[in-house]
Amino acid sequence: MRLYALCDQDMLDREGVSVESFVNIAKERGAEIIQYRNKNADVAFIKKQLIFIRKIYDGFLIVNDAYELVEFCDGVHLGQEDLRLIDEDITKAVKILRTVVTSDKILGISTHNEEEVLEANALDLNYIGLGAYRQTDTKKDISGILGDALDQIAAKSEHLVAAIGGVKPEDKFKYVTYHVIGSGLLK
């Protein structure tokens, strides 16, 4: 299993865990990637957190949504809804993003079904997040749990695949490169 740690600020606040503690746990568990996600803070706070994480973590650092902060990390991850805020046409949205998130940076998007995976195959991406695998504490509004179908859908991706949503370290996949784990790291 290759680990992609999801450092969600709301989860940390709810659990009473500092960013530093989470990063240390992620490092102890061998995380190759940390994604910092904060859906409620302003850009200045997110920038401060990215700078702090970069000081204590040498692996790949991804920011969720805040593509304007890509210079402070190694890449950006966006969900389908966030892509559509850039342009309703996801192909155009990714082309626009690639003017900011240049080819030396990582760009990943969330996908939730076979149709979105096949659409992503034609996009200039480094990876896709695919899920949700099962229900998760990190997001409450999940529809369409993929369960065992996740691995079959992952097989259709031309990009690296990160399994998202309720993934546990012991989960086994054939076509998934990374297990994305957030609150599960704290247990």
Protein backbone atom coordinates (compact mmCIF):
# COMPACT_ATOMS: atom_id res chain seq x y z
CA MET A 1 0.00 0.00 0.00
CA ARG A 2 1.21 3.49 -0.86
CA LEU A 3 -0.14 6.17 1.43
CA TYR A 4 -1.58 9.57 0.48
CA ALA A 5 -2.54 11.35 3.72
CA LEU A 6 -5.51 13.72 3.70
CA CYS A 7 -4.87 16.49 6.23
CA ASP A 8 -8.35 18.00 6.54
CA GLN A 9 -8.41 21.04 8.84
CA ASP A 10 -12.03 20.48 9.91
CA MET A 11 -11.18 16.90 10.90
CA LEU A 12 -8.10 18.06 12.84
CA ASP A 13 -10.12 20.70 14.68
CA ARG A 14 -12.88 18.19 15.49
CA GLU A 15 -10.36 15.64 16.78
CA GLY A 16 -8.21 18.20 18.63
CA VAL A 17 -5.11 17.28 16.60
CA SER A 18 -2.53 19.80 15.44
CA VAL A 19 -1.26 19.92 11.86
CA GLU A 20 2.20 19.10 13.19
CA SER A 21 0.93 15.98 14.99
CA PHE A 22 -0.92 14.81 11.89
CA VAL A 23 2.13 15.34 9.67
CA ASN A 24 4.31 13.43 12.15
CA ILE A 25 1.84 10.52 12.15
CA ALA A 26 1.74 10.59 8.34
CA LYS A 27 5.55 10.52 8.19
CA GLU A 28 5.71 7.63 10.70
CA ARG A 29 3.28 5.67 8.53
CA GLY A 30 5.30 6.37 5.37
CA ALA A 31 3.01 8.84 3.58
CA GLU A 32 4.43 9.79 0.19
CA ILE A 33 1.87 12.58 -0.31
CA ILE A 34 0.02 14.91 2.04
CA GLN A 35 -2.94 16.89 0.79
CA TYR A 36 -3.89 19.89 2.91
CA ARG A 37 -7.62 20.61 2.69
CA ASN A 38 -9.35 23.54 4.35
CA LYS A 39 -12.78 24.40 2.98
CA ASN A 40 -13.43 27.23 5.47
CA ALA A 41 -10.29 29.34 5.80
CA ASP A 42 -9.11 32.28 3.78
CA VAL A 43 -6.17 31.99 1.39
CA ALA A 44 -3.75 33.65 3.85
CA PHE A 45 -4.38 30.97 6.49
CA ILE A 46 -4.05 28.13 3.97
CA LYS A 47 -0.77 29.64 2.72
CA LYS A 48 0.53 29.78 6.30
CA GLN A 49 -0.35 26.11 6.83
CA LEU A 50 1.31 25.06 3.56
CA ILE A 51 4.51 26.90 4.49
CA PHE A 52 4.49 25.24 7.91
CA ILE A 53 3.88 21.75 6.48
CA ARG A 54 6.64 22.25 3.92
CA LYS A 55 9.07 23.04 6.78
CA ILE A 56 8.36 19.71 8.51
CA TYR A 57 7.57 17.40 5.59
CA ASP A 58 9.80 16.48 2.63
CA GLY A 59 7.30 14.43 0.63
CA PHE A 60 4.85 15.68 -1.97
CA LEU A 61 2.52 18.39 -0.67
CA ILE A 62 -0.78 18.98 -2.46
CA VAL A 63 -3.28 21.74 -1.73
CA ASN A 64 -7.00 21.19 -2.15
CA ASP A 65 -8.77 23.77 -4.33
CA ALA A 66 -6.48 26.77 -3.67
CA TYR A 67 -4.63 26.57 -6.99
CA GLU A 68 -3.47 30.16 -6.56
CA LEU A 69 -1.14 28.81 -3.84
CA VAL A 70 0.53 26.18 -6.03
CA GLU A 71 3.91 27.92 -5.67
CA PHE A 72 3.92 26.87 -1.98
CA CYS A 73 3.47 23.16 -2.69
CA ASP A 74 3.92 20.44 -5.29
CA GLY A 75 0.45 20.44 -6.77
CA VAL A 76 -3.29 20.90 -6.57
CA HIS A 77 -6.31 18.65 -6.19
CA LEU A 78 -9.82 19.74 -7.19
CA GLY A 79 -13.21 18.12 -6.96
CA GLN A 80 -15.70 18.02 -9.81
CA GLU A 81 -17.71 20.93 -8.38
CA ASP A 82 -14.59 23.06 -7.96
CA LEU A 83 -13.53 22.36 -11.55
CA ARG A 84 -16.93 23.51 -12.76
CA LEU A 85 -16.45 26.81 -10.93
CA ILE A 86 -13.52 27.43 -13.29
CA ASP A 87 -15.48 26.35 -16.37
CA GLU A 88 -18.59 24.22 -16.82
CA ASP A 89 -16.64 22.23 -19.43
CA ILE A 90 -14.13 20.17 -17.43
CA THR A 91 -11.75 19.92 -20.40
CA LYS A 92 -11.58 23.71 -20.57
CA ALA A 93 -11.27 23.95 -16.79
CA VAL A 94 -8.21 21.67 -16.78
CA LYS A 95 -6.63 23.63 -19.66
CA ILE A 96 -7.14 26.85 -17.69
CA LEU A 97 -5.71 25.23 -14.55
CA ARG A 98 -2.65 24.06 -16.45
CA THR A 99 -1.77 27.70 -17.14
CA VAL A 100 -1.29 28.05 -13.36
CA VAL A 101 -0.51 24.47 -12.33
CA THR A 102 2.30 24.00 -14.83
CA SER A 103 3.67 20.66 -16.00
CA ASP A 104 6.29 20.63 -13.24
CA LYS A 105 3.45 20.50 -10.70
CA ILE A 106 1.00 17.72 -9.86
CA LEU A 107 -2.65 18.09 -10.87
CA GLY A 108 -5.30 15.69 -9.63
CA ILE A 109 -9.09 15.66 -9.67
CA SER A 110 -11.80 13.69 -7.93
CA THR A 111 -13.86 11.19 -9.88
CA HIS A 112 -16.85 9.24 -8.65
CA ASN A 113 -17.86 6.85 -11.40
CA GLU A 114 -16.79 5.20 -14.64
CA GLU A 115 -18.04 8.09 -16.80
CA GLU A 116 -15.88 10.63 -14.93
CA VAL A 117 -12.86 8.30 -15.07
CA LEU A 118 -13.21 7.90 -18.83
CA GLU A 119 -13.59 11.68 -19.23
CA ALA A 120 -10.46 12.20 -17.09
CA ASN A 121 -8.46 9.91 -19.40
CA ALA A 122 -8.45 12.68 -22.02
CA LEU A 123 -7.26 15.35 -19.55
CA ASP A 124 -3.75 16.58 -18.73
CA LEU A 125 -3.65 15.16 -15.21
CA ASN A 126 -1.15 13.35 -13.02
CA TYR A 127 -3.70 11.31 -11.09
CA ILE A 128 -7.34 10.91 -10.19
CA GLY A 129 -8.97 10.39 -6.83
CA LEU A 130 -11.70 7.75 -7.21
CA GLY A 131 -14.45 7.11 -4.73
CA ALA A 132 -15.95 7.09 -2.28
CA TYR A 133 -14.97 3.54 -1.45
CA ARG A 134 -17.12 3.55 1.69
CA GLN A 135 -18.77 6.12 3.97
CA THR A 136 -16.33 8.52 5.65
CA ASP A 137 -16.27 10.99 8.53
CA THR A 138 -14.40 13.56 6.43
CA LYS A 139 -17.34 14.28 4.11
CA LYS A 140 -20.98 14.00 5.03
CA ASP A 141 -22.54 14.52 1.58
CA ILE A 142 -21.36 11.37 -0.17
CA SER A 143 -23.65 9.81 -2.71
CA GLY A 144 -22.80 6.72 -4.68
CA ILE A 145 -20.52 4.57 -2.54
CA LEU A 146 -18.47 2.43 -4.97
CA GLY A 147 -17.43 -0.39 -2.66
CA ASP A 148 -15.80 -3.29 -4.50
CA ALA A 149 -16.63 -1.71 -7.89
CA LEU A 150 -13.93 0.93 -7.20
CA ASP A 151 -11.09 -1.37 -8.27
CA GLN A 152 -12.89 -2.41 -11.48
CA ILE A 153 -13.49 1.25 -12.37
CA ALA A 154 -9.88 2.13 -11.47
CA ALA A 155 -8.72 -0.38 -14.08
CA LYS A 156 -10.19 1.90 -16.76
CA SER A 157 -8.04 4.89 -15.76
CA GLU A 158 -5.03 5.94 -17.80
CA HIS A 159 -3.79 7.96 -14.82
CA LEU A 160 -2.53 6.90 -11.42
CA VAL A 161 -5.50 6.25 -9.12
CA ALA A 162 -5.86 7.26 -5.49
CA ALA A 163 -8.74 5.49 -3.73
CA ILE A 164 -10.69 8.05 -1.70
CA GLY A 165 -13.48 8.01 0.85
CA GLY A 166 -13.36 5.74 3.87
CA VAL A 167 -10.24 3.88 2.73
CA LYS A 168 -8.37 1.90 5.38
CA PRO A 169 -4.75 0.74 5.34
CA GLU A 170 -5.80 -2.91 5.17
CA ASP A 171 -7.96 -2.43 2.06
CA LYS A 172 -6.68 -4.36 -0.96
CA PHE A 173 -6.90 -3.05 -4.53
CA LYS A 174 -5.33 -4.28 -7.75
CA TYR A 175 -5.55 -1.08 -9.83
CA VAL A 176 -5.13 1.58 -7.16
CA THR A 177 -1.77 3.29 -6.64
CA TYR A 178 -2.51 5.23 -3.43
CA HIS A 179 -4.75 4.78 -0.41
CA VAL A 180 -6.01 8.22 0.65
CA ILE A 181 -6.46 8.14 4.41
CA GLY A 182 -7.46 11.00 6.68
CA SER A 183 -8.99 10.33 10.08
CA GLY A 184 -7.99 6.67 9.77
CA LEU A 185 -4.39 7.70 10.44
CA LEU A 186 -5.41 8.94 13.87
CA LYS A 187 -6.73 5.56 15.02
